[in-house]
Amino acid sequence: YPDRCSAGDMHGNAAGVSYSDCILDMGVLMNGRDASVHNSTVYGRAPSENADGSCIHGSEIVGGLFVIDAATLITWGNGVSFGIIHFDLSTLQDDITILVRNTTLNNRSANTAMNCILLDVGDTNPPAHDINIVIRGFDVVAAGAASLVYIRGSNDVSSNAKCTMYVQPVPAGVPVITAQNAANLSILQ
């Protein structure tokens, strides 16, 4: 594994890729099946090029287990368009579990409208596979946020998605979960 690299890049055909004990300077693309980031520092994309400043982005996700464990995510972005952690789940081919554990998000901008984690479930064909989100230890250091988890898309995934959170502390005034489709608010366990 590299000691320091400019970015991590996995595509939809990747399986079992893990970054461990790394410093990643321009974010990580987590795609494919069974991807993870362990004990690493991930700097978000440069806001001068991508205003969102996302640290982790996935848009070619097949399914499996996606783990962000003991990571430090550092950004100066606004996190509005994609969130600081973004997973597009609209084209899942299998069940997925997303585990965020013992991770710190440090947004060094003054922005208070960021979405810490944005899950995109699409607008046309809802994902038919199980979506499990487990957040166990996610510390947000920021001026504020629009939501801890935002579910974007008009599809209703309330029957096949669930979100279990053990978060300490949630920044004052920040909703734990928000959703474009109000039915998806019920996934919070």
N, C-alpha and C. Protein backbone atom coordinates (compact mmCIF):
# COMPACT_ATOMS: atom_id res chain seq x y z
N TYR A 1 0.83 -1.18 0.00
CA TYR A 1 0.00 0.00 0.00
C TYR A 1 0.87 1.24 0.00
N PRO A 2 0.39 2.30 -0.60
CA PRO A 2 1.21 3.51 -0.67
C PRO A 2 1.19 4.25 0.66
N ASP A 3 2.27 4.94 0.95
CA ASP A 3 2.34 5.75 2.16
C ASP A 3 1.54 7.04 1.97
N ARG A 4 1.62 7.63 0.80
CA ARG A 4 0.87 8.84 0.47
C ARG A 4 0.64 8.83 -1.04
N CYS A 5 -0.61 9.11 -1.43
CA CYS A 5 -0.88 9.17 -2.87
C CYS A 5 -1.86 10.29 -3.14
N SER A 6 -1.93 10.66 -4.40
CA SER A 6 -2.75 11.82 -4.76
C SER A 6 -4.23 11.53 -4.63
N ALA A 7 -4.67 10.30 -4.86
CA ALA A 7 -6.08 9.95 -4.74
C ALA A 7 -6.22 8.44 -4.83
N GLY A 8 -7.38 7.93 -4.43
CA GLY A 8 -7.67 6.51 -4.57
C GLY A 8 -8.77 6.35 -5.61
N ASP A 9 -8.60 5.44 -6.55
CA ASP A 9 -9.53 5.35 -7.66
C ASP A 9 -9.91 3.90 -7.93
N MET A 10 -11.13 3.53 -7.55
CA MET A 10 -11.68 2.20 -7.84
C MET A 10 -12.83 2.39 -8.83
N HIS A 11 -13.00 1.43 -9.71
CA HIS A 11 -14.11 1.50 -10.67
C HIS A 11 -15.08 0.35 -10.42
N GLY A 12 -16.16 0.32 -11.18
CA GLY A 12 -17.25 -0.64 -10.96
C GLY A 12 -16.84 -2.09 -11.08
N ASN A 13 -15.74 -2.38 -11.76
CA ASN A 13 -15.30 -3.77 -11.90
C ASN A 13 -14.35 -4.20 -10.78
N ALA A 14 -14.05 -3.30 -9.85
CA ALA A 14 -13.12 -3.61 -8.76
C ALA A 14 -13.83 -4.42 -7.68
N ALA A 15 -13.09 -5.30 -7.03
CA ALA A 15 -13.64 -6.08 -5.92
C ALA A 15 -12.57 -6.27 -4.86
N GLY A 16 -12.95 -6.01 -3.61
CA GLY A 16 -12.05 -6.26 -2.50
C GLY A 16 -10.90 -5.28 -2.38
N VAL A 17 -11.05 -4.06 -2.88
CA VAL A 17 -9.98 -3.07 -2.81
C VAL A 17 -10.04 -2.36 -1.46
N SER A 18 -8.88 -2.20 -0.83
CA SER A 18 -8.81 -1.56 0.47
C SER A 18 -7.62 -0.62 0.52
N TYR A 19 -7.86 0.58 1.06
CA TYR A 19 -6.78 1.50 1.37
C TYR A 19 -6.60 1.47 2.87
N SER A 20 -5.40 1.20 3.33
CA SER A 20 -5.14 1.09 4.75
C SER A 20 -3.86 1.84 5.11
N ASP A 21 -3.92 2.64 6.17
CA ASP A 21 -2.76 3.39 6.65
C ASP A 21 -2.20 4.31 5.57
N CYS A 22 -3.09 5.04 4.90
CA CYS A 22 -2.69 5.90 3.79
C CYS A 22 -3.05 7.36 4.08
N ILE A 23 -2.40 8.23 3.33
CA ILE A 23 -2.81 9.63 3.24
C ILE A 23 -3.19 9.83 1.78
N LEU A 24 -4.45 10.19 1.55
CA LEU A 24 -4.97 10.36 0.20
C LEU A 24 -5.33 11.83 0.01
N ASP A 25 -4.63 12.50 -0.90
CA ASP A 25 -4.70 13.95 -1.00
C ASP A 25 -5.91 14.51 -1.75
N MET A 26 -6.57 13.77 -2.58
CA MET A 26 -7.67 14.32 -3.38
C MET A 26 -8.89 13.40 -3.37
N GLY A 27 -9.13 12.72 -2.29
CA GLY A 27 -10.33 11.90 -2.16
C GLY A 27 -10.13 10.47 -2.61
N VAL A 28 -11.20 9.69 -2.41
CA VAL A 28 -11.22 8.28 -2.78
C VAL A 28 -12.51 8.00 -3.54
N LEU A 29 -12.39 7.32 -4.65
CA LEU A 29 -13.55 6.77 -5.35
C LEU A 29 -13.71 5.34 -4.86
N MET A 30 -14.81 5.05 -4.18
CA MET A 30 -15.09 3.68 -3.70
C MET A 30 -16.19 3.12 -4.58
N ASN A 31 -15.86 2.16 -5.40
CA ASN A 31 -16.82 1.59 -6.33
C ASN A 31 -16.67 0.08 -6.38
N GLY A 32 -17.50 -0.57 -7.18
CA GLY A 32 -17.43 -2.01 -7.34
C GLY A 32 -18.07 -2.73 -6.18
N ARG A 33 -17.36 -3.73 -5.66
CA ARG A 33 -17.86 -4.58 -4.59
C ARG A 33 -16.82 -4.66 -3.47
N ASP A 34 -17.30 -4.59 -2.23
CA ASP A 34 -16.44 -4.80 -1.05
C ASP A 34 -15.22 -3.90 -1.04
N ALA A 35 -15.46 -2.61 -0.86
CA ALA A 35 -14.38 -1.61 -0.84
C ALA A 35 -14.23 -1.06 0.58
N SER A 36 -13.00 -0.65 0.92
CA SER A 36 -12.81 -0.12 2.27
C SER A 36 -11.66 0.88 2.34
N VAL A 37 -11.77 1.74 3.36
CA VAL A 37 -10.73 2.68 3.73
C VAL A 37 -10.54 2.51 5.23
N HIS A 38 -9.34 2.13 5.66
CA HIS A 38 -9.03 1.88 7.06
C HIS A 38 -7.89 2.77 7.54
N ASN A 39 -8.06 3.35 8.71
CA ASN A 39 -6.97 4.04 9.39
C ASN A 39 -6.20 4.97 8.45
N SER A 40 -6.95 5.78 7.71
CA SER A 40 -6.34 6.65 6.72
C SER A 40 -6.86 8.07 6.86
N THR A 41 -6.09 9.01 6.34
CA THR A 41 -6.51 10.41 6.26
C THR A 41 -6.84 10.70 4.81
N VAL A 42 -8.05 11.20 4.58
CA VAL A 42 -8.52 11.49 3.23
C VAL A 42 -8.86 12.97 3.14
N TYR A 43 -8.14 13.69 2.29
CA TYR A 43 -8.43 15.09 2.03
C TYR A 43 -9.41 15.17 0.87
N GLY A 44 -10.39 16.06 0.99
CA GLY A 44 -11.40 16.21 -0.05
C GLY A 44 -10.85 16.87 -1.30
N ARG A 45 -11.66 16.75 -2.35
CA ARG A 45 -11.29 17.38 -3.61
C ARG A 45 -11.17 18.89 -3.41
N ALA A 46 -10.28 19.51 -4.15
CA ALA A 46 -10.02 20.94 -4.00
C ALA A 46 -11.26 21.74 -4.36
N PRO A 47 -11.76 22.59 -3.45
CA PRO A 47 -12.95 23.39 -3.75
C PRO A 47 -12.78 24.32 -4.95
N SER A 48 -11.55 24.67 -5.29
CA SER A 48 -11.34 25.51 -6.47
C SER A 48 -11.70 24.76 -7.75
N GLU A 49 -11.68 23.43 -7.70
CA GLU A 49 -12.04 22.60 -8.86
C GLU A 49 -13.41 21.96 -8.70
N ASN A 50 -13.76 21.56 -7.49
CA ASN A 50 -15.04 20.92 -7.17
C ASN A 50 -15.52 21.51 -5.86
N ALA A 51 -16.50 22.39 -5.92
CA ALA A 51 -16.94 23.13 -4.73
C ALA A 51 -17.39 22.23 -3.59
N ASP A 52 -17.88 21.02 -3.93
CA ASP A 52 -18.37 20.12 -2.89
C ASP A 52 -17.27 19.65 -1.94
N GLY A 53 -16.06 19.48 -2.44
CA GLY A 53 -14.94 19.06 -1.60
C GLY A 53 -15.10 17.65 -1.05
N SER A 54 -15.83 16.79 -1.77
CA SER A 54 -16.10 15.45 -1.24
C SER A 54 -14.82 14.67 -1.01
N CYS A 55 -14.82 13.90 0.07
CA CYS A 55 -13.67 13.06 0.42
C CYS A 55 -13.82 11.66 -0.14
N ILE A 56 -15.05 11.12 -0.11
CA ILE A 56 -15.31 9.76 -0.59
C ILE A 56 -16.51 9.82 -1.51
N HIS A 57 -16.36 9.22 -2.69
CA HIS A 57 -17.40 9.30 -3.71
C HIS A 57 -17.53 7.92 -4.38
N GLY A 58 -18.76 7.47 -4.53
CA GLY A 58 -19.00 6.20 -5.22
C GLY A 58 -20.17 6.32 -6.18
N SER A 59 -19.95 6.04 -7.44
CA SER A 59 -21.03 6.13 -8.43
C SER A 59 -21.14 4.88 -9.31
N GLU A 60 -20.27 3.92 -9.12
CA GLU A 60 -20.33 2.65 -9.87
C GLU A 60 -20.35 1.50 -8.86
N ILE A 61 -21.31 1.55 -7.94
CA ILE A 61 -21.36 0.60 -6.84
C ILE A 61 -22.17 -0.62 -7.24
N VAL A 62 -21.58 -1.79 -7.08
CA VAL A 62 -22.24 -3.06 -7.38
C VAL A 62 -22.98 -3.57 -6.15
N GLY A 63 -22.31 -3.58 -5.00
CA GLY A 63 -22.90 -4.07 -3.75
C GLY A 63 -21.82 -4.63 -2.85
N GLY A 64 -22.24 -5.33 -1.81
CA GLY A 64 -21.28 -5.92 -0.88
C GLY A 64 -21.13 -5.08 0.37
N LEU A 65 -19.94 -5.08 0.92
CA LEU A 65 -19.64 -4.36 2.15
C LEU A 65 -18.69 -3.20 1.86
N PHE A 66 -19.12 -2.00 2.21
CA PHE A 66 -18.31 -0.79 2.05
C PHE A 66 -18.01 -0.26 3.43
N VAL A 67 -16.72 -0.17 3.78
CA VAL A 67 -16.31 0.19 5.14
C VAL A 67 -15.43 1.43 5.11
N ILE A 68 -15.78 2.38 5.97
CA ILE A 68 -14.92 3.53 6.26
C ILE A 68 -14.65 3.44 7.75
N ASP A 69 -13.42 3.07 8.11
CA ASP A 69 -13.12 2.73 9.49
C ASP A 69 -11.87 3.48 9.97
N ALA A 70 -12.01 4.15 11.11
CA ALA A 70 -10.90 4.87 11.73
C ALA A 70 -10.24 5.83 10.73
N ALA A 71 -11.08 6.52 9.98
CA ALA A 71 -10.58 7.46 8.97
C ALA A 71 -10.76 8.89 9.48
N THR A 72 -9.91 9.76 8.98
CA THR A 72 -10.06 11.19 9.21
C THR A 72 -10.31 11.81 7.84
N LEU A 73 -11.45 12.46 7.69
CA LEU A 73 -11.83 13.11 6.44
C LEU A 73 -11.70 14.61 6.64
N ILE A 74 -10.90 15.26 5.79
CA ILE A 74 -10.65 16.70 5.94
C ILE A 74 -11.04 17.38 4.64
N THR A 75 -11.88 18.42 4.76
CA THR A 75 -12.33 19.13 3.57
C THR A 75 -12.46 20.62 3.85
N TRP A 76 -12.39 21.39 2.78
CA TRP A 76 -12.70 22.81 2.81
C TRP A 76 -13.90 23.07 1.90
N GLY A 77 -14.58 22.01 1.46
CA GLY A 77 -15.68 22.13 0.52
C GLY A 77 -17.02 22.43 1.18
N ASN A 78 -18.03 22.64 0.31
CA ASN A 78 -19.35 22.97 0.85
C ASN A 78 -20.23 21.74 1.06
N GLY A 79 -19.93 20.61 0.44
CA GLY A 79 -20.68 19.38 0.68
C GLY A 79 -22.13 19.42 0.26
N VAL A 80 -22.51 20.39 -0.55
CA VAL A 80 -23.92 20.56 -0.90
C VAL A 80 -24.33 19.63 -2.05
N SER A 81 -23.60 19.64 -3.14
CA SER A 81 -23.99 18.87 -4.32
C SER A 81 -23.88 17.37 -4.13
N PHE A 82 -22.79 16.90 -3.52
CA PHE A 82 -22.55 15.47 -3.41
C PHE A 82 -22.40 14.99 -1.97
N GLY A 83 -22.26 15.89 -1.03
CA GLY A 83 -21.96 15.47 0.32
C GLY A 83 -20.47 15.22 0.46
N ILE A 84 -20.01 15.11 1.68
CA ILE A 84 -18.59 14.84 1.91
C ILE A 84 -18.31 13.35 1.69
N ILE A 85 -19.28 12.51 2.04
CA ILE A 85 -19.26 11.09 1.65
C ILE A 85 -20.47 10.91 0.75
N HIS A 86 -20.27 10.44 -0.47
CA HIS A 86 -21.37 10.31 -1.44
C HIS A 86 -21.38 8.91 -2.04
N PHE A 87 -22.54 8.25 -1.92
CA PHE A 87 -22.71 6.95 -2.58
C PHE A 87 -23.96 7.00 -3.44
N ASP A 88 -23.81 6.74 -4.73
CA ASP A 88 -24.94 6.64 -5.65
C ASP A 88 -25.38 5.18 -5.65
N LEU A 89 -26.53 4.92 -5.07
CA LEU A 89 -27.05 3.55 -4.93
C LEU A 89 -28.12 3.23 -5.96
N SER A 90 -28.30 4.09 -6.94
CA SER A 90 -29.41 3.93 -7.89
C SER A 90 -29.23 2.78 -8.86
N THR A 91 -28.02 2.24 -8.98
CA THR A 91 -27.80 1.14 -9.93
C THR A 91 -27.24 -0.11 -9.25
N LEU A 92 -27.58 -0.30 -7.97
CA LEU A 92 -27.10 -1.48 -7.25
C LEU A 92 -27.45 -2.77 -7.98
N GLN A 93 -26.54 -3.74 -7.95
CA GLN A 93 -26.80 -5.05 -8.53
C GLN A 93 -26.93 -6.12 -7.46
N ASP A 94 -26.63 -5.76 -6.19
CA ASP A 94 -26.68 -6.70 -5.08
C ASP A 94 -26.90 -5.91 -3.80
N ASP A 95 -27.20 -6.61 -2.71
CA ASP A 95 -27.36 -5.96 -1.41
C ASP A 95 -26.08 -5.24 -1.03
N ILE A 96 -26.23 -4.18 -0.22
CA ILE A 96 -25.06 -3.42 0.23
C ILE A 96 -25.20 -3.08 1.71
N THR A 97 -24.06 -3.14 2.40
CA THR A 97 -23.95 -2.62 3.75
C THR A 97 -22.86 -1.57 3.72
N ILE A 98 -23.18 -0.39 4.22
CA ILE A 98 -22.21 0.70 4.34
C ILE A 98 -21.97 0.89 5.83
N LEU A 99 -20.73 0.71 6.24
CA LEU A 99 -20.35 0.84 7.65
C LEU A 99 -19.37 2.00 7.79
N VAL A 100 -19.78 3.01 8.56
CA VAL A 100 -18.89 4.12 8.91
C VAL A 100 -18.63 3.97 10.40
N ARG A 101 -17.35 3.76 10.75
CA ARG A 101 -17.02 3.45 12.15
C ARG A 101 -15.79 4.24 12.59
N ASN A 102 -15.91 4.86 13.77
CA ASN A 102 -14.79 5.57 14.39
C ASN A 102 -14.10 6.53 13.41
N THR A 103 -14.92 7.31 12.73
CA THR A 103 -14.43 8.22 11.70
C THR A 103 -14.74 9.66 12.09
N THR A 104 -13.83 10.56 11.74
CA THR A 104 -14.00 11.99 12.00
C THR A 104 -14.06 12.73 10.68
N LEU A 105 -15.06 13.60 10.55
CA LEU A 105 -15.17 14.49 9.40
C LEU A 105 -14.85 15.89 9.92
N ASN A 106 -13.83 16.51 9.36
CA ASN A 106 -13.41 17.84 9.75
C ASN A 106 -13.58 18.77 8.57
N ASN A 107 -14.66 19.58 8.61
CA ASN A 107 -14.89 20.56 7.54
C ASN A 107 -14.32 21.89 8.01
N ARG A 108 -13.27 22.34 7.36
CA ARG A 108 -12.57 23.54 7.79
C ARG A 108 -13.12 24.82 7.16
N SER A 109 -14.22 24.67 6.38
CA SER A 109 -14.85 25.87 5.82
C SER A 109 -15.90 26.37 6.81
N ALA A 110 -16.43 27.54 6.54
CA ALA A 110 -17.47 28.11 7.39
C ALA A 110 -18.87 27.69 6.94
N ASN A 111 -18.94 26.85 5.93
CA ASN A 111 -20.23 26.45 5.38
C ASN A 111 -21.05 25.65 6.38
N THR A 112 -22.33 25.93 6.46
CA THR A 112 -23.22 25.20 7.37
C THR A 112 -24.28 24.43 6.60
N ALA A 113 -24.18 24.35 5.27
CA ALA A 113 -25.21 23.69 4.47
C ALA A 113 -24.77 22.32 3.94
N MET A 114 -23.66 21.78 4.44
CA MET A 114 -23.15 20.52 3.89
C MET A 114 -24.01 19.33 4.31
N ASN A 115 -24.02 18.33 3.45
CA ASN A 115 -24.55 17.02 3.78
C ASN A 115 -23.34 16.15 4.09
N CYS A 116 -23.28 15.63 5.30
CA CYS A 116 -22.12 14.83 5.68
C CYS A 116 -22.05 13.56 4.84
N ILE A 117 -23.16 12.82 4.80
CA ILE A 117 -23.26 11.60 3.98
C ILE A 117 -24.46 11.77 3.07
N LEU A 118 -24.27 11.65 1.77
CA LEU A 118 -25.36 11.75 0.82
C LEU A 118 -25.51 10.41 0.11
N LEU A 119 -26.70 9.83 0.21
CA LEU A 119 -27.02 8.57 -0.47
C LEU A 119 -28.02 8.88 -1.56
N ASP A 120 -27.64 8.62 -2.81
CA ASP A 120 -28.51 8.91 -3.95
C ASP A 120 -29.23 7.64 -4.35
N VAL A 121 -30.57 7.64 -4.25
CA VAL A 121 -31.36 6.45 -4.57
C VAL A 121 -32.09 6.60 -5.91
N GLY A 122 -31.86 7.69 -6.62
CA GLY A 122 -32.39 7.87 -7.95
C GLY A 122 -33.83 8.32 -7.99
N ASP A 123 -34.30 8.53 -9.23
CA ASP A 123 -35.65 9.06 -9.45
C ASP A 123 -36.53 8.17 -10.32
N THR A 124 -35.99 7.15 -10.97
CA THR A 124 -36.80 6.38 -11.91
C THR A 124 -37.06 4.96 -11.44
N ASN A 125 -36.05 4.16 -11.25
CA ASN A 125 -36.21 2.78 -10.82
C ASN A 125 -35.57 2.61 -9.45
N PRO A 126 -36.36 2.42 -8.40
CA PRO A 126 -35.76 2.30 -7.07
C PRO A 126 -34.87 1.06 -6.97
N PRO A 127 -33.76 1.16 -6.23
CA PRO A 127 -32.92 -0.02 -6.02
C PRO A 127 -33.75 -1.13 -5.37
N ALA A 128 -33.66 -2.34 -5.91
CA ALA A 128 -34.46 -3.46 -5.40
C ALA A 128 -33.72 -4.25 -4.33
N HIS A 129 -32.48 -3.92 -4.10
CA HIS A 129 -31.67 -4.68 -3.15
C HIS A 129 -31.66 -4.02 -1.78
N ASP A 130 -31.31 -4.81 -0.77
CA ASP A 130 -31.25 -4.30 0.59
C ASP A 130 -30.12 -3.29 0.72
N ILE A 131 -30.42 -2.20 1.43
CA ILE A 131 -29.46 -1.14 1.70
C ILE A 131 -29.39 -1.00 3.21
N ASN A 132 -28.24 -1.32 3.79
CA ASN A 132 -28.04 -1.21 5.23
C ASN A 132 -26.92 -0.22 5.49
N ILE A 133 -27.24 0.80 6.26
CA ILE A 133 -26.26 1.80 6.63
C ILE A 133 -26.07 1.71 8.14
N VAL A 134 -24.84 1.50 8.56
CA VAL A 134 -24.53 1.42 9.99
C VAL A 134 -23.47 2.47 10.27
N ILE A 135 -23.81 3.40 11.16
CA ILE A 135 -22.87 4.45 11.53
C ILE A 135 -22.60 4.29 13.02
N ARG A 136 -21.38 3.93 13.33
CA ARG A 136 -20.99 3.65 14.71
C ARG A 136 -19.72 4.46 15.02
N GLY A 137 -19.94 5.66 15.53
CA GLY A 137 -18.80 6.51 15.82
C GLY A 137 -18.45 7.38 14.63
N PHE A 138 -19.13 8.51 14.50
CA PHE A 138 -18.89 9.44 13.39
C PHE A 138 -18.91 10.84 14.00
N ASP A 139 -17.74 11.41 14.18
CA ASP A 139 -17.60 12.70 14.82
C ASP A 139 -17.50 13.77 13.75
N VAL A 140 -18.42 14.73 13.79
CA VAL A 140 -18.43 15.81 12.80
C VAL A 140 -17.93 17.08 13.46
N VAL A 141 -16.81 17.59 12.95
CA VAL A 141 -16.24 18.85 13.43
C VAL A 141 -16.47 19.86 12.31
N ALA A 142 -17.47 20.74 12.52
CA ALA A 142 -17.85 21.67 11.46
C ALA A 142 -18.64 22.82 12.06
N ALA A 143 -18.73 23.90 11.30
CA ALA A 143 -19.53 25.05 11.72
C ALA A 143 -21.00 24.67 11.80
N GLY A 144 -21.41 23.69 11.03
CA GLY A 144 -22.79 23.22 11.00
C GLY A 144 -22.99 22.32 9.81
N ALA A 145 -24.19 21.82 9.64
CA ALA A 145 -24.49 20.95 8.51
C ALA A 145 -26.00 20.95 8.26
N ALA A 146 -26.38 20.65 7.03
CA ALA A 146 -27.80 20.52 6.69
C ALA A 146 -28.34 19.20 7.21
N SER A 147 -27.51 18.15 7.16
CA SER A 147 -27.92 16.85 7.68
C SER A 147 -26.71 15.95 7.85
N LEU A 148 -26.85 14.99 8.75
CA LEU A 148 -25.83 13.97 8.91
C LEU A 148 -25.92 13.00 7.73
N VAL A 149 -27.14 12.54 7.42
CA VAL A 149 -27.39 11.67 6.27
C VAL A 149 -28.53 12.29 5.46
N TYR A 150 -28.28 12.50 4.17
CA TYR A 150 -29.32 13.00 3.26
C TYR A 150 -29.58 11.94 2.20
N ILE A 151 -30.84 11.57 2.02
CA ILE A 151 -31.21 10.59 0.99
C ILE A 151 -31.81 11.37 -0.17
N ARG A 152 -31.03 11.45 -1.25
CA ARG A 152 -31.46 12.21 -2.43
C ARG A 152 -32.13 11.28 -3.42
N GLY A 153 -33.16 11.77 -4.05
CA GLY A 153 -33.89 11.02 -5.08
C GLY A 153 -35.32 10.84 -4.66
N SER A 154 -36.19 10.75 -5.65
CA SER A 154 -37.63 10.62 -5.37
C SER A 154 -38.06 9.18 -5.14
N ASN A 155 -37.19 8.21 -5.43
CA ASN A 155 -37.55 6.80 -5.20
C ASN A 155 -37.78 6.53 -3.72
N ASP A 156 -38.77 5.68 -3.45
CA ASP A 156 -39.07 5.25 -2.09
C ASP A 156 -38.31 3.95 -1.82
N VAL A 157 -37.35 3.99 -0.89
CA VAL A 157 -36.58 2.80 -0.52
C VAL A 157 -36.87 2.39 0.92
N SER A 158 -37.96 2.90 1.46
CA SER A 158 -38.25 2.65 2.88
C SER A 158 -38.50 1.18 3.19
N SER A 159 -38.88 0.38 2.20
CA SER A 159 -39.14 -1.04 2.47
C SER A 159 -37.88 -1.90 2.40
N ASN A 160 -36.81 -1.42 1.79
CA ASN A 160 -35.61 -2.25 1.66
C ASN A 160 -34.35 -1.57 2.18
N ALA A 161 -34.50 -0.45 2.88
CA ALA A 161 -33.33 0.24 3.42
C ALA A 161 -33.52 0.47 4.91
N LYS A 162 -32.40 0.42 5.64
CA LYS A 162 -32.45 0.79 7.04
C LYS A 162 -31.13 1.44 7.41
N CYS A 163 -31.22 2.34 8.38
CA CYS A 163 -30.06 3.08 8.83
C CYS A 163 -30.01 3.00 10.35
N THR A 164 -28.93 2.44 10.87
CA THR A 164 -28.72 2.33 12.30
C THR A 164 -27.56 3.23 12.67
N MET A 165 -27.79 4.13 13.64
CA MET A 165 -26.75 5.10 13.99
C MET A 165 -26.42 5.07 15.47
N TYR A 166 -25.14 5.11 15.71
CA TYR A 166 -24.60 5.31 17.05
C TYR A 166 -23.63 6.47 16.91
N VAL A 167 -24.16 7.67 16.99
CA VAL A 167 -23.37 8.86 16.68
C VAL A 167 -23.24 9.72 17.93
N GLN A 168 -22.02 10.09 18.26
CA GLN A 168 -21.80 10.98 19.39
C GLN A 168 -20.68 11.92 19.04
N PRO A 169 -20.82 13.16 19.13
CA PRO A 169 -22.08 13.89 19.25
C PRO A 169 -22.57 14.33 17.88
N VAL A 170 -23.84 14.54 17.75
CA VAL A 170 -24.39 15.17 16.55
C VAL A 170 -24.30 16.67 16.79
N PRO A 171 -23.74 17.43 15.85
CA PRO A 171 -23.64 18.87 16.07
C PRO A 171 -25.02 19.48 16.36
N ALA A 172 -25.05 20.44 17.26
CA ALA A 172 -26.30 21.07 17.67
C ALA A 172 -27.08 21.59 16.47
N GLY A 173 -28.36 21.28 16.43
CA GLY A 173 -29.24 21.78 15.38
C GLY A 173 -29.16 21.02 14.07
N VAL A 174 -28.35 19.98 13.98
CA VAL A 174 -28.19 19.23 12.73
C VAL A 174 -29.12 18.02 12.74
N PRO A 175 -30.04 17.92 11.77
CA PRO A 175 -30.89 16.73 11.70
C PRO A 175 -30.06 15.49 11.42
N VAL A 176 -30.43 14.38 12.03
CA VAL A 176 -29.71 13.14 11.81
C VAL A 176 -29.94 12.64 10.40
N ILE A 177 -31.19 12.71 9.93
CA ILE A 177 -31.49 12.23 8.58
C ILE A 177 -32.51 13.15 7.93
N THR A 178 -32.28 13.46 6.66
CA THR A 178 -33.24 14.20 5.85
C THR A 178 -33.37 13.46 4.53
N ALA A 179 -34.48 13.71 3.82
CA ALA A 179 -34.71 12.97 2.58
C ALA A 179 -35.55 13.80 1.62
N GLN A 180 -35.24 13.63 0.34
CA GLN A 180 -36.05 14.28 -0.70
C GLN A 180 -37.45 13.70 -0.68
N ASN A 181 -37.57 12.37 -0.52
CA ASN A 181 -38.86 11.69 -0.42
C ASN A 181 -39.11 11.41 1.07
N ALA A 182 -40.12 12.03 1.64
CA ALA A 182 -40.37 11.92 3.08
C ALA A 182 -40.56 10.48 3.55
N ALA A 183 -41.00 9.57 2.67
CA ALA A 183 -41.16 8.17 3.06
C ALA A 183 -39.83 7.56 3.51
N ASN A 184 -38.73 8.06 2.96
CA ASN A 184 -37.41 7.51 3.29
C ASN A 184 -36.92 7.91 4.68
N LEU A 185 -37.59 8.85 5.32
CA LEU A 185 -37.21 9.22 6.68
C LEU A 185 -37.40 8.05 7.64
N SER A 186 -38.27 7.11 7.28
CA SER A 186 -38.58 5.98 8.16
C SER A 186 -37.48 4.93 8.21
N ILE A 187 -36.42 5.07 7.42
CA ILE A 187 -35.37 4.04 7.45
C ILE A 187 -34.52 4.13 8.71
N LEU A 188 -34.58 5.27 9.41
CA LEU A 188 -33.78 5.42 10.61
C LEU A 188 -34.27 4.48 11.69
N GLN A 189 -33.39 3.61 12.20
CA GLN A 189 -33.75 2.63 13.22
C GLN A 189 -33.43 3.15 14.59
